[in-house]
Amino acid sequence: MTRELIALVDGMEPIAGPKTVGSENYARISKAFFERGWSGFEEEFNRLFSPDRPDYIDIKRDLLRESVFLRKVHERMSGVFLGKSTVEEMLDEANRPQVPPQFH
C-alpha cells in the first residue's frame, strides 16, 4: 500500500515539517526510516498507528507528503551525492513551481 501512496502523492504539494503525526511520532518514524529504510518506516508507523484505524490510509498518505519522505527529494539528493548535480542546482529545481500531472 505504501508504494501506491508514494505514487499517489508524487507531484502533490508537499506538507512542510512534522504536521501530520506530531513532532514526537514524526521523529520516531523518520529515525526508523533513515536507519532501516522503508521497512523501518512501515514498522514504526504501524507501531504508532494501527492498520485497523479508519483514518490509517489518510494519515499515511499525508505523512508521505512531508518532504523527508518524498521520492522527488530523494532523487534530487541522490543526484548531488552521485555528483550529477550541485547543491545549488538541487535547490533551484526544488524551488521551481511544480506542474501537476495531467490526466486524459
C-alpha atoms as a PDB file:
ATOM      1  CA  MET A   1       0.000   0.000   0.000  1.00  0.00           C
ATOM      2  CA  THR A   2       2.832   2.416   0.776  1.00  0.00           C
ATOM      3  CA  ARG A   3       4.155   2.141  -2.794  1.00  0.00           C
ATOM      4  CA  GLU A   4       0.768   3.083  -4.163  1.00  0.00           C
ATOM      5  CA  LEU A   5       0.521   6.019  -1.757  1.00  0.00           C
ATOM      6  CA  ILE A   6       4.005   7.212  -2.727  1.00  0.00           C
ATOM      7  CA  ALA A   7       2.942   7.189  -6.381  1.00  0.00           C
ATOM      8  CA  LEU A   8      -0.268   8.982  -5.455  1.00  0.00           C
ATOM      9  CA  VAL A   9       1.447  11.841  -3.618  1.00  0.00           C
ATOM     10  CA  ASP A  10       4.191  12.226  -6.239  1.00  0.00           C
ATOM     11  CA  GLY A  11       3.778  15.701  -7.684  1.00  0.00           C
ATOM     12  CA  MET A  12       1.378  16.893  -4.992  1.00  0.00           C
ATOM     13  CA  GLU A  13       2.263  19.960  -2.974  1.00  0.00           C
ATOM     14  CA  PRO A  14       4.478  18.851  -0.052  1.00  0.00           C
ATOM     15  CA  ILE A  15       3.467  19.379   3.549  1.00  0.00           C
ATOM     16  CA  ALA A  16       6.238  21.206   5.402  1.00  0.00           C
ATOM     17  CA  GLY A  17       7.501  19.816   8.682  1.00  0.00           C
ATOM     18  CA  PRO A  18       6.079  17.316  11.148  1.00  0.00           C
ATOM     19  CA  LYS A  19       2.453  18.439  10.953  1.00  0.00           C
ATOM     20  CA  THR A  20       0.656  15.177  10.238  1.00  0.00           C
ATOM     21  CA  VAL A  21       1.565  12.951  13.172  1.00  0.00           C
ATOM     22  CA  GLY A  22       3.105  15.372  15.676  1.00  0.00           C
ATOM     23  CA  SER A  23       6.760  16.060  16.413  1.00  0.00           C
ATOM     24  CA  GLU A  24       7.447  13.048  18.630  1.00  0.00           C
ATOM     25  CA  ASN A  25       5.865  10.500  16.280  1.00  0.00           C
ATOM     26  CA  TYR A  26       7.476  12.187  13.270  1.00  0.00           C
ATOM     27  CA  ALA A  27      10.891  11.907  14.936  1.00  0.00           C
ATOM     28  CA  ARG A  28      10.364   8.201  15.655  1.00  0.00           C
ATOM     29  CA  ILE A  29       9.149   7.379  12.149  1.00  0.00           C
ATOM     30  CA  SER A  30      11.832   9.408  10.358  1.00  0.00           C
ATOM     31  CA  LYS A  31      14.584   7.936  12.572  1.00  0.00           C
ATOM     32  CA  ALA A  32      13.387   4.418  11.726  1.00  0.00           C
ATOM     33  CA  PHE A  33      13.224   5.394   8.044  1.00  0.00           C
ATOM     34  CA  PHE A  34      16.792   6.711   7.978  1.00  0.00           C
ATOM     35  CA  GLU A  35      18.141   3.747   9.921  1.00  0.00           C
ATOM     36  CA  ARG A  36      16.227   0.905   8.217  1.00  0.00           C
ATOM     37  CA  GLY A  37      14.653   2.350   5.072  1.00  0.00           C
ATOM     38  CA  TRP A  38      11.062   1.725   4.073  1.00  0.00           C
ATOM     39  CA  SER A  39      10.778  -1.400   6.227  1.00  0.00           C
ATOM     40  CA  GLY A  40      11.707   0.717   9.265  1.00  0.00           C
ATOM     41  CA  PHE A  41       9.144   3.306   8.194  1.00  0.00           C
ATOM     42  CA  GLU A  42       6.427   0.639   7.949  1.00  0.00           C
ATOM     43  CA  GLU A  43       7.285  -0.987  11.274  1.00  0.00           C
ATOM     44  CA  GLU A  44       7.365   2.258  13.233  1.00  0.00           C
ATOM     45  CA  PHE A  45       4.292   3.702  11.529  1.00  0.00           C
ATOM     46  CA  ASN A  46       2.310   0.543  12.290  1.00  0.00           C
ATOM     47  CA  ARG A  47       3.573   0.562  15.865  1.00  0.00           C
ATOM     48  CA  LEU A  48       2.171   4.082  16.302  1.00  0.00           C
ATOM     49  CA  PHE A  49      -0.951   3.814  14.127  1.00  0.00           C
ATOM     50  CA  SER A  50      -2.920   0.599  13.959  1.00  0.00           C
ATOM     51  CA  PRO A  51      -3.803  -0.516  10.420  1.00  0.00           C
ATOM     52  CA  ASP A  52      -7.332  -1.069  11.786  1.00  0.00           C
ATOM     53  CA  ARG A  53      -7.854   2.670  12.296  1.00  0.00           C
ATOM     54  CA  PRO A  54     -10.410   4.083   9.874  1.00  0.00           C
ATOM     55  CA  ASP A  55      -8.089   7.014   9.074  1.00  0.00           C
ATOM     56  CA  TYR A  56      -4.929   4.876   8.725  1.00  0.00           C
ATOM     57  CA  ILE A  57      -4.544   5.436   4.956  1.00  0.00           C
ATOM     58  CA  ASP A  58      -5.291   9.153   5.227  1.00  0.00           C
ATOM     59  CA  ILE A  59      -2.649   9.631   7.920  1.00  0.00           C
ATOM     60  CA  LYS A  60      -0.048   7.650   5.979  1.00  0.00           C
ATOM     61  CA  ARG A  61      -0.831   9.480   2.717  1.00  0.00           C
ATOM     62  CA  ASP A  62      -0.440  12.870   4.380  1.00  0.00           C
ATOM     63  CA  LEU A  63       2.752  11.816   6.150  1.00  0.00           C
ATOM     64  CA  LEU A  64       4.232  10.719   2.820  1.00  0.00           C
ATOM     65  CA  ARG A  65       3.665  14.266   1.524  1.00  0.00           C
ATOM     66  CA  GLU A  66       6.118  15.587   4.113  1.00  0.00           C
ATOM     67  CA  SER A  67       9.395  16.426   2.393  1.00  0.00           C
ATOM     68  CA  VAL A  68      11.635  13.870   4.072  1.00  0.00           C
ATOM     69  CA  PHE A  69       9.616  11.022   2.539  1.00  0.00           C
ATOM     70  CA  LEU A  70       9.040  12.425  -0.972  1.00  0.00           C
ATOM     71  CA  ARG A  71      10.531  10.391  -3.822  1.00  0.00           C
ATOM     72  CA  LYS A  72      11.492  13.570  -5.700  1.00  0.00           C
ATOM     73  CA  VAL A  73      13.538  14.836  -2.734  1.00  0.00           C
ATOM     74  CA  HIS A  74      15.451  11.542  -2.583  1.00  0.00           C
ATOM     75  CA  GLU A  75      16.113  11.650  -6.332  1.00  0.00           C
ATOM     76  CA  ARG A  76      17.482  15.188  -6.055  1.00  0.00           C
ATOM     77  CA  MET A  77      19.672  14.323  -3.066  1.00  0.00           C
ATOM     78  CA  SER A  78      20.971  11.205  -4.837  1.00  0.00           C
ATOM     79  CA  GLY A  79      21.967  13.367  -7.800  1.00  0.00           C
ATOM     80  CA  VAL A  80      24.064  15.529  -5.513  1.00  0.00           C
ATOM     81  CA  PHE A  81      25.673  12.553  -3.735  1.00  0.00           C
ATOM     82  CA  LEU A  82      26.457  10.885  -7.062  1.00  0.00           C
ATOM     83  CA  GLY A  83      27.996  14.094  -8.435  1.00  0.00           C
ATOM     84  CA  LYS A  84      25.330  14.522 -11.142  1.00  0.00           C
ATOM     85  CA  SER A  85      24.262  17.924  -9.801  1.00  0.00           C
ATOM     86  CA  THR A  86      25.345  20.545  -7.325  1.00  0.00           C
ATOM     87  CA  VAL A  87      23.533  21.549  -4.154  1.00  0.00           C
ATOM     88  CA  GLU A  88      22.635  24.832  -5.840  1.00  0.00           C
ATOM     89  CA  GLU A  89      21.108  23.017  -8.833  1.00  0.00           C
ATOM     90  CA  MET A  90      19.148  20.768  -6.477  1.00  0.00           C
ATOM     91  CA  LEU A  91      17.783  23.774  -4.582  1.00  0.00           C
ATOM     92  CA  ASP A  92      16.951  25.615  -7.820  1.00  0.00           C
ATOM     93  CA  GLU A  93      14.973  22.622  -9.045  1.00  0.00           C
ATOM     94  CA  ALA A  94      13.223  22.253  -5.691  1.00  0.00           C
ATOM     95  CA  ASN A  95      12.170  25.909  -5.724  1.00  0.00           C
ATOM     96  CA  ARG A  96      10.717  25.834  -9.249  1.00  0.00           C
ATOM     97  CA  PRO A  97       6.929  25.740  -9.355  1.00  0.00           C
ATOM     98  CA  GLN A  98       5.669  22.206  -9.839  1.00  0.00           C
ATOM     99  CA  VAL A  99       3.298  21.442 -12.682  1.00  0.00           C
ATOM    100  CA  PRO A 100       0.662  18.931 -11.560  1.00  0.00           C
ATOM    101  CA  PRO A 101       0.313  15.815 -13.744  1.00  0.00           C
ATOM    102  CA  GLN A 102      -2.356  15.972 -16.424  1.00  0.00           C
ATOM    103  CA  PHE A 103      -4.736  13.052 -16.770  1.00  0.00           C
ATOM    104  CA  HIS A 104      -6.578  12.487 -20.032  1.00  0.00           C
END
